[in-house]
């Protein structure tokens, strides 16, 4: 395990008995409360010093309530050091109303509007979406990209970043490459193109979830992770667990151990950046 405390840049906390999450309804793993107590049980001996809450795709109309509930948790437990909330940026200038309300939250650091389930691979390039993202950046907030490279969405994300040079972006889950299908291209090429843009940081997270749940091995994951590290460098990558979605395929300490082994030959400075330093900088912790 790492010889230092970790900042987990991607954690979901929720209670489907309080707010509605239709997408997980009936899922025996996810459709139950996942709060800090459950998170502590899951992390085991891994020392998590701070965590970043990322919105959980609550049903429409409830995103402000979700963010406020997490801020209330953060007021009681300083480990919740940052909030990435949902906002409907596809509304363009009209998203300002949501941003005004979210700005009341002390831990707000970023906005995420899921793209991964949109049928149009160029959804994030619609003019109103681009305008909404620019308005997020104008407030000093980052914008998180959650998309699926296998659906052609990574190419559109590259263009979005080019159109918004003043916005800082975070790529979730390495762009969700099609690991299970073992199709490295065009993900490898597109990820490198995205990394050439200086205003993007990449989360090394959600990797096992994209692999074959029955056949993945540590060795099979390694080239995908190493490519992301090579593209972005340690100054622009950070650790994320994607808990509790991750529990569908692996235990929290398993993911940490896989990455710790992979980083064994890296310098102490590089490991410090990966496990905590980049996240502290990006989310202003």
C-alpha atoms as a PDB file:
ATOM      1  CA  UNK A   1       0.000   0.000   0.000  1.00  0.00           C
ATOM      2  CA  UNK A   2       1.130   3.645  -0.495  1.00  0.00           C
ATOM      3  CA  UNK A   3       3.354   5.010   2.238  1.00  0.00           C
ATOM      4  CA  UNK A   4       1.326   8.220   2.382  1.00  0.00           C
ATOM      5  CA  UNK A   5      -2.242   9.377   2.885  1.00  0.00           C
ATOM      6  CA  UNK A   6      -4.387   9.482  -0.248  1.00  0.00           C
ATOM      7  CA  UNK A   7      -6.680  12.079  -1.744  1.00  0.00           C
ATOM      8  CA  UNK A   8      -9.432  10.183  -3.561  1.00  0.00           C
ATOM      9  CA  UNK A   9     -10.554  12.401  -6.433  1.00  0.00           C
ATOM     10  CA  UNK A  10     -13.691  10.453  -7.325  1.00  0.00           C
ATOM     11  CA  UNK A  11     -16.176   9.272  -4.694  1.00  0.00           C
ATOM     12  CA  UNK A  12     -19.970   9.020  -4.856  1.00  0.00           C
ATOM     13  CA  UNK A  13     -21.995   9.375  -1.657  1.00  0.00           C
ATOM     14  CA  UNK A  14     -25.765   8.971  -1.697  1.00  0.00           C
ATOM     15  CA  UNK A  15     -28.868   7.473  -0.120  1.00  0.00           C
ATOM     16  CA  UNK A  16     -31.565   6.335  -2.589  1.00  0.00           C
ATOM     17  CA  UNK A  17     -34.034   6.407   0.290  1.00  0.00           C
ATOM     18  CA  UNK A  18     -33.678  10.196   0.452  1.00  0.00           C
ATOM     19  CA  UNK A  19     -33.109  11.246  -3.157  1.00  0.00           C
ATOM     20  CA  UNK A  20     -34.160   9.345  -6.314  1.00  0.00           C
ATOM     21  CA  UNK A  21     -31.546   7.653  -8.502  1.00  0.00           C
ATOM     22  CA  UNK A  22     -33.565   5.908 -11.169  1.00  0.00           C
ATOM     23  CA  UNK A  23     -30.556   4.617 -13.085  1.00  0.00           C
ATOM     24  CA  UNK A  24     -29.548   2.305 -10.217  1.00  0.00           C
ATOM     25  CA  UNK A  25     -33.019   1.149  -9.197  1.00  0.00           C
ATOM     26  CA  UNK A  26     -33.028  -2.589  -8.543  1.00  0.00           C
ATOM     27  CA  UNK A  27     -29.238  -2.922  -8.685  1.00  0.00           C
ATOM     28  CA  UNK A  28     -28.385  -5.173  -5.717  1.00  0.00           C
ATOM     29  CA  UNK A  29     -24.931  -3.628  -5.296  1.00  0.00           C
ATOM     30  CA  UNK A  30     -25.631   0.072  -5.733  1.00  0.00           C
ATOM     31  CA  UNK A  31     -29.298   0.598  -4.816  1.00  0.00           C
ATOM     32  CA  UNK A  32     -28.719   1.142  -1.093  1.00  0.00           C
ATOM     33  CA  UNK A  33     -27.125   3.845   1.057  1.00  0.00           C
ATOM     34  CA  UNK A  34     -23.443   4.562   0.454  1.00  0.00           C
ATOM     35  CA  UNK A  35     -22.252   7.131   2.964  1.00  0.00           C
ATOM     36  CA  UNK A  36     -19.072   7.828   4.860  1.00  0.00           C
ATOM     37  CA  UNK A  37     -19.546   4.869   7.200  1.00  0.00           C
ATOM     38  CA  UNK A  38     -19.758   2.493   4.259  1.00  0.00           C
ATOM     39  CA  UNK A  39     -16.817   4.236   2.616  1.00  0.00           C
ATOM     40  CA  UNK A  40     -14.705   3.739   5.737  1.00  0.00           C
ATOM     41  CA  UNK A  41     -15.579   0.052   5.782  1.00  0.00           C
ATOM     42  CA  UNK A  42     -14.645  -0.257   2.099  1.00  0.00           C
ATOM     43  CA  UNK A  43     -11.263   1.474   2.334  1.00  0.00           C
ATOM     44  CA  UNK A  44     -10.011  -0.807   5.105  1.00  0.00           C
ATOM     45  CA  UNK A  45      -6.364  -0.110   5.870  1.00  0.00           C
ATOM     46  CA  UNK A  46      -5.974   2.444   3.045  1.00  0.00           C
ATOM     47  CA  UNK A  47      -5.433   5.922   4.515  1.00  0.00           C
ATOM     48  CA  UNK A  48      -7.753   8.364   2.714  1.00  0.00           C
ATOM     49  CA  UNK A  49      -7.024  11.861   3.964  1.00  0.00           C
ATOM     50  CA  UNK A  50      -9.455  13.786   1.744  1.00  0.00           C
ATOM     51  CA  UNK A  51     -12.039  12.925  -0.877  1.00  0.00           C
ATOM     52  CA  UNK A  52     -13.787  14.670  -3.732  1.00  0.00           C
ATOM     53  CA  UNK A  53     -17.519  14.066  -4.062  1.00  0.00           C
ATOM     54  CA  UNK A  54     -18.703  13.692  -7.649  1.00  0.00           C
ATOM     55  CA  UNK A  55     -22.382  13.957  -8.545  1.00  0.00           C
ATOM     56  CA  UNK A  56     -24.295  10.685  -8.872  1.00  0.00           C
ATOM     57  CA  UNK A  57     -26.740  11.389 -11.729  1.00  0.00           C
ATOM     58  CA  UNK A  58     -29.644  12.028  -9.390  1.00  0.00           C
ATOM     59  CA  UNK A  59     -33.019  12.206 -11.128  1.00  0.00           C
ATOM     60  CA  UNK A  60     -33.765  15.499 -12.941  1.00  0.00           C
ATOM     61  CA  UNK A  61     -34.726  18.364 -10.681  1.00  0.00           C
ATOM     62  CA  UNK A  62     -32.877  17.063  -7.625  1.00  0.00           C
ATOM     63  CA  UNK A  63     -29.287  18.087  -8.360  1.00  0.00           C
ATOM     64  CA  UNK A  64     -29.346  21.142  -6.108  1.00  0.00           C
ATOM     65  CA  UNK A  65     -30.701  19.079  -3.219  1.00  0.00           C
ATOM     66  CA  UNK A  66     -27.969  16.504  -3.779  1.00  0.00           C
ATOM     67  CA  UNK A  67     -25.193  19.088  -3.711  1.00  0.00           C
ATOM     68  CA  UNK A  68     -26.615  20.794  -0.633  1.00  0.00           C
ATOM     69  CA  UNK A  69     -26.891  17.490   1.209  1.00  0.00           C
ATOM     70  CA  UNK A  70     -23.229  16.737   0.518  1.00  0.00           C
ATOM     71  CA  UNK A  71     -22.215  20.210   1.656  1.00  0.00           C
ATOM     72  CA  UNK A  72     -24.019  19.507   4.932  1.00  0.00           C
ATOM     73  CA  UNK A  73     -21.948  16.318   5.258  1.00  0.00           C
ATOM     74  CA  UNK A  74     -18.766  18.257   4.492  1.00  0.00           C
ATOM     75  CA  UNK A  75     -19.606  20.751   7.212  1.00  0.00           C
ATOM     76  CA  UNK A  76     -19.532  17.844   9.678  1.00  0.00           C
ATOM     77  CA  UNK A  77     -16.621  15.894   8.186  1.00  0.00           C
ATOM     78  CA  UNK A  78     -13.754  17.855   6.582  1.00  0.00           C
ATOM     79  CA  UNK A  79     -12.588  14.785   4.678  1.00  0.00           C
ATOM     80  CA  UNK A  80     -15.165  15.801   2.047  1.00  0.00           C
ATOM     81  CA  UNK A  81     -12.949  18.548   0.732  1.00  0.00           C
ATOM     82  CA  UNK A  82     -14.534  19.310  -2.644  1.00  0.00           C
ATOM     83  CA  UNK A  83     -17.826  18.928  -4.482  1.00  0.00           C
ATOM     84  CA  UNK A  84     -18.301  18.392  -8.203  1.00  0.00           C
ATOM     85  CA  UNK A  85     -22.005  19.044  -8.724  1.00  0.00           C
ATOM     86  CA  UNK A  86     -24.337  18.502 -11.641  1.00  0.00           C
ATOM     87  CA  UNK A  87     -25.554  21.483 -13.630  1.00  0.00           C
ATOM     88  CA  UNK A  88     -27.487  21.433 -16.931  1.00  0.00           C
ATOM     89  CA  UNK A  89     -24.874  23.228 -19.020  1.00  0.00           C
ATOM     90  CA  UNK A  90     -26.776  22.292 -22.178  1.00  0.00           C
ATOM     91  CA  UNK A  91     -29.099  25.179 -21.253  1.00  0.00           C
ATOM     92  CA  UNK A  92     -26.390  27.617 -22.252  1.00  0.00           C
ATOM     93  CA  UNK A  93     -26.697  31.043 -20.631  1.00  0.00           C
ATOM     94  CA  UNK A  94     -29.697  29.821 -18.630  1.00  0.00           C
ATOM     95  CA  UNK A  95     -27.401  27.606 -16.540  1.00  0.00           C
ATOM     96  CA  UNK A  96     -26.411  30.740 -14.636  1.00  0.00           C
ATOM     97  CA  UNK A  97     -29.431  30.245 -12.341  1.00  0.00           C
ATOM     98  CA  UNK A  98     -28.110  26.847 -11.254  1.00  0.00           C
ATOM     99  CA  UNK A  99     -24.573  28.147 -10.912  1.00  0.00           C
ATOM    100  CA  UNK A 100     -25.792  31.011  -8.720  1.00  0.00           C
ATOM    101  CA  UNK A 101     -27.396  28.538  -6.323  1.00  0.00           C
ATOM    102  CA  UNK A 102     -24.453  26.152  -6.344  1.00  0.00           C
ATOM    103  CA  UNK A 103     -22.062  29.029  -5.652  1.00  0.00           C
ATOM    104  CA  UNK A 104     -23.497  29.148  -2.128  1.00  0.00           C
ATOM    105  CA  UNK A 105     -21.711  25.862  -1.347  1.00  0.00           C
ATOM    106  CA  UNK A 106     -18.300  26.389   0.248  1.00  0.00           C
ATOM    107  CA  UNK A 107     -16.869  23.121  -1.098  1.00  0.00           C
ATOM    108  CA  UNK A 108     -17.984  23.602  -4.715  1.00  0.00           C
ATOM    109  CA  UNK A 109     -15.023  23.190  -7.057  1.00  0.00           C
ATOM    110  CA  UNK A 110     -16.474  21.899 -10.313  1.00  0.00           C
ATOM    111  CA  UNK A 111     -19.413  20.916 -12.473  1.00  0.00           C
ATOM    112  CA  UNK A 112     -20.159  17.664 -14.250  1.00  0.00           C
ATOM    113  CA  UNK A 113     -22.819  17.046 -16.836  1.00  0.00           C
ATOM    114  CA  UNK A 114     -22.731  13.392 -17.909  1.00  0.00           C
ATOM    115  CA  UNK A 115     -22.157  12.841 -21.614  1.00  0.00           C
ATOM    116  CA  UNK A 116     -21.635   9.073 -21.630  1.00  0.00           C
ATOM    117  CA  UNK A 117     -25.297   8.127 -22.147  1.00  0.00           C
ATOM    118  CA  UNK A 118     -26.072  10.634 -24.891  1.00  0.00           C
ATOM    119  CA  UNK A 119     -26.772   8.951 -28.260  1.00  0.00           C
ATOM    120  CA  UNK A 120     -25.266  11.833 -30.219  1.00  0.00           C
ATOM    121  CA  UNK A 121     -21.455  11.572 -29.990  1.00  0.00           C
ATOM    122  CA  UNK A 122     -21.231  15.308 -30.684  1.00  0.00           C
ATOM    123  CA  UNK A 123     -23.702  16.268 -27.941  1.00  0.00           C
ATOM    124  CA  UNK A 124     -21.045  18.247 -26.066  1.00  0.00           C
ATOM    125  CA  UNK A 125     -20.416  20.383 -29.154  1.00  0.00           C
ATOM    126  CA  UNK A 126     -23.938  21.793 -29.386  1.00  0.00           C
ATOM    127  CA  UNK A 127     -23.614  25.579 -29.121  1.00  0.00           C
ATOM    128  CA  UNK A 128     -25.574  25.871 -25.869  1.00  0.00           C
ATOM    129  CA  UNK A 129     -23.487  23.131 -24.231  1.00  0.00           C
ATOM    130  CA  UNK A 130     -20.266  24.910 -25.189  1.00  0.00           C
ATOM    131  CA  UNK A 131     -21.640  28.212 -23.902  1.00  0.00           C
ATOM    132  CA  UNK A 132     -22.650  26.572 -20.618  1.00  0.00           C
ATOM    133  CA  UNK A 133     -19.178  25.110 -20.142  1.00  0.00           C
ATOM    134  CA  UNK A 134     -17.599  28.501 -20.800  1.00  0.00           C
ATOM    135  CA  UNK A 135     -19.801  30.013 -18.103  1.00  0.00           C
ATOM    136  CA  UNK A 136     -18.674  27.317 -15.672  1.00  0.00           C
ATOM    137  CA  UNK A 137     -15.050  28.252 -16.363  1.00  0.00           C
ATOM    138  CA  UNK A 138     -15.757  31.963 -16.049  1.00  0.00           C
ATOM    139  CA  UNK A 139     -16.680  31.320 -12.410  1.00  0.00           C
ATOM    140  CA  UNK A 140     -13.352  29.663 -11.714  1.00  0.00           C
ATOM    141  CA  UNK A 141     -14.883  26.193 -11.654  1.00  0.00           C
ATOM    142  CA  UNK A 142     -13.536  23.166 -13.486  1.00  0.00           C
ATOM    143  CA  UNK A 143     -15.622  21.009 -15.793  1.00  0.00           C
ATOM    144  CA  UNK A 144     -15.502  17.217 -15.571  1.00  0.00           C
ATOM    145  CA  UNK A 145     -15.833  15.071 -18.679  1.00  0.00           C
ATOM    146  CA  UNK A 146     -17.459  11.676 -18.204  1.00  0.00           C
ATOM    147  CA  UNK A 147     -17.759   9.985 -21.579  1.00  0.00           C
ATOM    148  CA  UNK A 148     -17.159   6.746 -23.434  1.00  0.00           C
ATOM    149  CA  UNK A 149     -14.336   6.648 -25.940  1.00  0.00           C
ATOM    150  CA  UNK A 150     -15.877   3.586 -27.587  1.00  0.00           C
ATOM    151  CA  UNK A 151     -18.943   5.646 -28.553  1.00  0.00           C
ATOM    152  CA  UNK A 152     -16.909   8.285 -30.378  1.00  0.00           C
ATOM    153  CA  UNK A 153     -17.321  10.833 -27.599  1.00  0.00           C
ATOM    154  CA  UNK A 154     -13.640  11.376 -26.870  1.00  0.00           C
ATOM    155  CA  UNK A 155     -13.073  12.959 -30.277  1.00  0.00           C
ATOM    156  CA  UNK A 156     -15.861  15.451 -29.569  1.00  0.00           C
ATOM    157  CA  UNK A 157     -14.391  16.188 -26.141  1.00  0.00           C
ATOM    158  CA  UNK A 158     -11.103  17.165 -27.757  1.00  0.00           C
ATOM    159  CA  UNK A 159     -12.917  19.741 -29.843  1.00  0.00           C
ATOM    160  CA  UNK A 160     -14.865  20.990 -26.811  1.00  0.00           C
ATOM    161  CA  UNK A 161     -11.627  21.615 -24.931  1.00  0.00           C
ATOM    162  CA  UNK A 162     -10.202  23.449 -27.933  1.00  0.00           C
ATOM    163  CA  UNK A 163     -13.259  25.710 -28.012  1.00  0.00           C
ATOM    164  CA  UNK A 164     -12.941  26.440 -24.278  1.00  0.00           C
ATOM    165  CA  UNK A 165      -9.236  27.243 -23.735  1.00  0.00           C
ATOM    166  CA  UNK A 166      -9.951  29.211 -20.560  1.00  0.00           C
ATOM    167  CA  UNK A 167     -11.753  26.331 -18.831  1.00  0.00           C
ATOM    168  CA  UNK A 168      -9.906  23.704 -16.806  1.00  0.00           C
ATOM    169  CA  UNK A 169     -11.140  20.199 -17.620  1.00  0.00           C
ATOM    170  CA  UNK A 170     -10.872  16.904 -15.764  1.00  0.00           C
ATOM    171  CA  UNK A 171     -11.245  13.673 -17.741  1.00  0.00           C
ATOM    172  CA  UNK A 172     -12.932  10.991 -15.664  1.00  0.00           C
ATOM    173  CA  UNK A 173     -11.892   7.342 -15.894  1.00  0.00           C
ATOM    174  CA  UNK A 174      -9.306   7.874 -18.641  1.00  0.00           C
ATOM    175  CA  UNK A 175     -12.158   8.444 -21.079  1.00  0.00           C
ATOM    176  CA  UNK A 176     -13.621   4.971 -20.445  1.00  0.00           C
ATOM    177  CA  UNK A 177     -11.608   3.066 -23.041  1.00  0.00           C
ATOM    178  CA  UNK A 178     -13.154  -0.149 -24.472  1.00  0.00           C
ATOM    179  CA  UNK A 179     -10.879  -2.449 -22.479  1.00  0.00           C
ATOM    180  CA  UNK A 180     -13.258  -5.413 -22.508  1.00  0.00           C
ATOM    181  CA  UNK A 181     -13.297  -5.355 -26.312  1.00  0.00           C
ATOM    182  CA  UNK A 182      -9.495  -4.874 -26.365  1.00  0.00           C
ATOM    183  CA  UNK A 183      -9.840  -2.004 -28.859  1.00  0.00           C
ATOM    184  CA  UNK A 184      -6.996   0.339 -28.018  1.00  0.00           C
ATOM    185  CA  UNK A 185      -7.549   2.545 -31.065  1.00  0.00           C
ATOM    186  CA  UNK A 186      -8.686   5.197 -31.583  1.00  0.00           C
ATOM    187  CA  UNK A 187      -8.610   5.688 -27.781  1.00  0.00           C
ATOM    188  CA  UNK A 188      -4.800   5.717 -27.591  1.00  0.00           C
ATOM    189  CA  UNK A 189      -4.484   8.276 -30.364  1.00  0.00           C
ATOM    190  CA  UNK A 190      -7.340  10.447 -29.118  1.00  0.00           C
ATOM    191  CA  UNK A 191      -6.143  10.412 -25.511  1.00  0.00           C
ATOM    192  CA  UNK A 192      -2.739  11.652 -26.616  1.00  0.00           C
ATOM    193  CA  UNK A 193      -4.382  14.413 -28.662  1.00  0.00           C
ATOM    194  CA  UNK A 194      -6.420  15.458 -25.635  1.00  0.00           C
ATOM    195  CA  UNK A 195      -3.327  15.448 -23.437  1.00  0.00           C
ATOM    196  CA  UNK A 196      -1.616  17.854 -25.829  1.00  0.00           C
ATOM    197  CA  UNK A 197      -4.099  20.473 -24.637  1.00  0.00           C
ATOM    198  CA  UNK A 198      -2.655  21.997 -21.448  1.00  0.00           C
ATOM    199  CA  UNK A 199      -5.957  22.646 -19.653  1.00  0.00           C
ATOM    200  CA  UNK A 200      -6.868  18.960 -19.099  1.00  0.00           C
ATOM    201  CA  UNK A 201      -6.127  16.683 -16.142  1.00  0.00           C
ATOM    202  CA  UNK A 202      -6.846  12.939 -16.190  1.00  0.00           C
ATOM    203  CA  UNK A 203      -8.208  10.708 -13.446  1.00  0.00           C
ATOM    204  CA  UNK A 204      -6.756   7.216 -13.265  1.00  0.00           C
ATOM    205  CA  UNK A 205     -10.027   5.700 -12.155  1.00  0.00           C
ATOM    206  CA  UNK A 206     -12.850   3.437 -13.298  1.00  0.00           C
ATOM    207  CA  UNK A 207     -10.474   1.226 -15.264  1.00  0.00           C
ATOM    208  CA  UNK A 208     -11.465  -2.215 -14.011  1.00  0.00           C
ATOM    209  CA  UNK A 209     -15.113  -1.360 -14.575  1.00  0.00           C
ATOM    210  CA  UNK A 210     -14.390  -1.082 -18.318  1.00  0.00           C
ATOM    211  CA  UNK A 211     -12.595  -4.447 -18.435  1.00  0.00           C
ATOM    212  CA  UNK A 212     -14.090  -7.915 -18.807  1.00  0.00           C
ATOM    213  CA  UNK A 213     -15.324  -8.650 -15.261  1.00  0.00           C
ATOM    214  CA  UNK A 214     -14.461 -12.336 -15.580  1.00  0.00           C
ATOM    215  CA  UNK A 215     -11.133 -12.143 -17.373  1.00  0.00           C
ATOM    216  CA  UNK A 216      -9.267  -9.002 -16.354  1.00  0.00           C
ATOM    217  CA  UNK A 217      -5.845  -9.313 -14.773  1.00  0.00           C
ATOM    218  CA  UNK A 218      -3.389  -6.804 -13.394  1.00  0.00           C
ATOM    219  CA  UNK A 219      -1.188  -7.408 -16.419  1.00  0.00           C
ATOM    220  CA  UNK A 220      -4.058  -6.746 -18.829  1.00  0.00           C
ATOM    221  CA  UNK A 221      -4.800  -3.377 -17.200  1.00  0.00           C
ATOM    222  CA  UNK A 222      -1.209  -2.194 -17.163  1.00  0.00           C
ATOM    223  CA  UNK A 223      -0.806  -0.984 -20.792  1.00  0.00           C
ATOM    224  CA  UNK A 224      -3.980   1.097 -20.590  1.00  0.00           C
ATOM    225  CA  UNK A 225      -2.912   2.810 -17.377  1.00  0.00           C
ATOM    226  CA  UNK A 226       0.653   3.287 -18.555  1.00  0.00           C
ATOM    227  CA  UNK A 227      -0.563   4.963 -21.733  1.00  0.00           C
ATOM    228  CA  UNK A 228      -2.576   7.496 -19.733  1.00  0.00           C
ATOM    229  CA  UNK A 229       0.408   8.175 -17.479  1.00  0.00           C
ATOM    230  CA  UNK A 230       2.657   8.594 -20.499  1.00  0.00           C
ATOM    231  CA  UNK A 231       0.242  10.977 -22.221  1.00  0.00           C
ATOM    232  CA  UNK A 232      -0.427  13.298 -19.293  1.00  0.00           C
ATOM    233  CA  UNK A 233       2.637  12.896 -17.076  1.00  0.00           C
ATOM    234  CA  UNK A 234       2.508  12.915 -13.295  1.00  0.00           C
ATOM    235  CA  UNK A 235       1.768  16.639 -13.139  1.00  0.00           C
ATOM    236  CA  UNK A 236      -1.646  16.008 -14.703  1.00  0.00           C
ATOM    237  CA  UNK A 237      -2.901  12.661 -13.394  1.00  0.00           C
ATOM    238  CA  UNK A 238      -4.546  11.789 -10.113  1.00  0.00           C
ATOM    239  CA  UNK A 239      -5.913   8.800  -8.271  1.00  0.00           C
ATOM    240  CA  UNK A 240      -9.635   8.098  -8.145  1.00  0.00           C
ATOM    241  CA  UNK A 241     -11.561   5.099  -6.860  1.00  0.00           C
ATOM    242  CA  UNK A 242     -15.010   5.595  -8.450  1.00  0.00           C
ATOM    243  CA  UNK A 243     -16.441   4.115  -5.257  1.00  0.00           C
ATOM    244  CA  UNK A 244     -19.004   2.578  -4.904  1.00  0.00           C
ATOM    245  CA  UNK A 245     -19.472   1.872  -8.632  1.00  0.00           C
ATOM    246  CA  UNK A 246     -16.101   0.142  -8.336  1.00  0.00           C
ATOM    247  CA  UNK A 247     -17.527  -2.413  -5.902  1.00  0.00           C
ATOM    248  CA  UNK A 248     -19.302  -4.128  -8.776  1.00  0.00           C
ATOM    249  CA  UNK A 249     -15.946  -5.465  -9.956  1.00  0.00           C
ATOM    250  CA  UNK A 250     -13.338  -5.130  -7.184  1.00  0.00           C
ATOM    251  CA  UNK A 251     -12.506  -4.088  -3.643  1.00  0.00           C
ATOM    252  CA  UNK A 252     -11.108  -0.659  -2.850  1.00  0.00           C
ATOM    253  CA  UNK A 253      -7.741  -1.948  -1.535  1.00  0.00           C
ATOM    254  CA  UNK A 254      -7.358  -4.102  -4.656  1.00  0.00           C
ATOM    255  CA  UNK A 255      -7.356  -1.047  -6.944  1.00  0.00           C
ATOM    256  CA  UNK A 256      -4.965   0.822  -4.670  1.00  0.00           C
ATOM    257  CA  UNK A 257      -2.603  -2.165  -4.567  1.00  0.00           C
ATOM    258  CA  UNK A 258      -2.640  -2.524  -8.370  1.00  0.00           C
ATOM    259  CA  UNK A 259      -1.635   1.115  -8.821  1.00  0.00           C
ATOM    260  CA  UNK A 260       0.911   1.000  -6.004  1.00  0.00           C
ATOM    261  CA  UNK A 261       2.657  -1.919  -7.709  1.00  0.00           C
ATOM    262  CA  UNK A 262       2.573  -0.178 -11.076  1.00  0.00           C
ATOM    263  CA  UNK A 263       4.168   2.940  -9.569  1.00  0.00           C
ATOM    264  CA  UNK A 264       6.896   1.028  -7.738  1.00  0.00           C
ATOM    265  CA  UNK A 265       9.645   2.282 -10.057  1.00  0.00           C
ATOM    266  CA  UNK A 266       8.560   5.916  -9.947  1.00  0.00           C
ATOM    267  CA  UNK A 267      10.188   8.649  -7.896  1.00  0.00           C
ATOM    268  CA  UNK A 268       8.834   9.707  -4.510  1.00  0.00           C
ATOM    269  CA  UNK A 269       7.802  13.028  -6.050  1.00  0.00           C
ATOM    270  CA  UNK A 270       5.853  11.310  -8.830  1.00  0.00           C
ATOM    271  CA  UNK A 271       4.050   9.043  -6.388  1.00  0.00           C
ATOM    272  CA  UNK A 272       3.215  12.001  -4.158  1.00  0.00           C
ATOM    273  CA  UNK A 273       1.705  13.857  -7.119  1.00  0.00           C
ATOM    274  CA  UNK A 274      -0.323  10.843  -8.163  1.00  0.00           C
ATOM    275  CA  UNK A 275      -1.755   9.898  -4.781  1.00  0.00           C
ATOM    276  CA  UNK A 276      -2.513  13.395  -3.518  1.00  0.00           C
ATOM    277  CA  UNK A 277      -0.595  16.354  -4.952  1.00  0.00           C
ATOM    278  CA  UNK A 278      -2.409  16.794  -8.253  1.00  0.00           C
ATOM    279  CA  UNK A 279      -5.832  16.495  -6.645  1.00  0.00           C
ATOM    280  CA  UNK A 280      -4.918  19.050  -3.980  1.00  0.00           C
ATOM    281  CA  UNK A 281      -3.856  21.484  -6.697  1.00  0.00           C
ATOM    282  CA  UNK A 282      -6.771  20.888  -9.079  1.00  0.00           C
ATOM    283  CA  UNK A 283      -9.494  21.024  -6.430  1.00  0.00           C
ATOM    284  CA  UNK A 284      -7.781  23.703  -4.307  1.00  0.00           C
ATOM    285  CA  UNK A 285      -7.791  21.570  -1.170  1.00  0.00           C
END
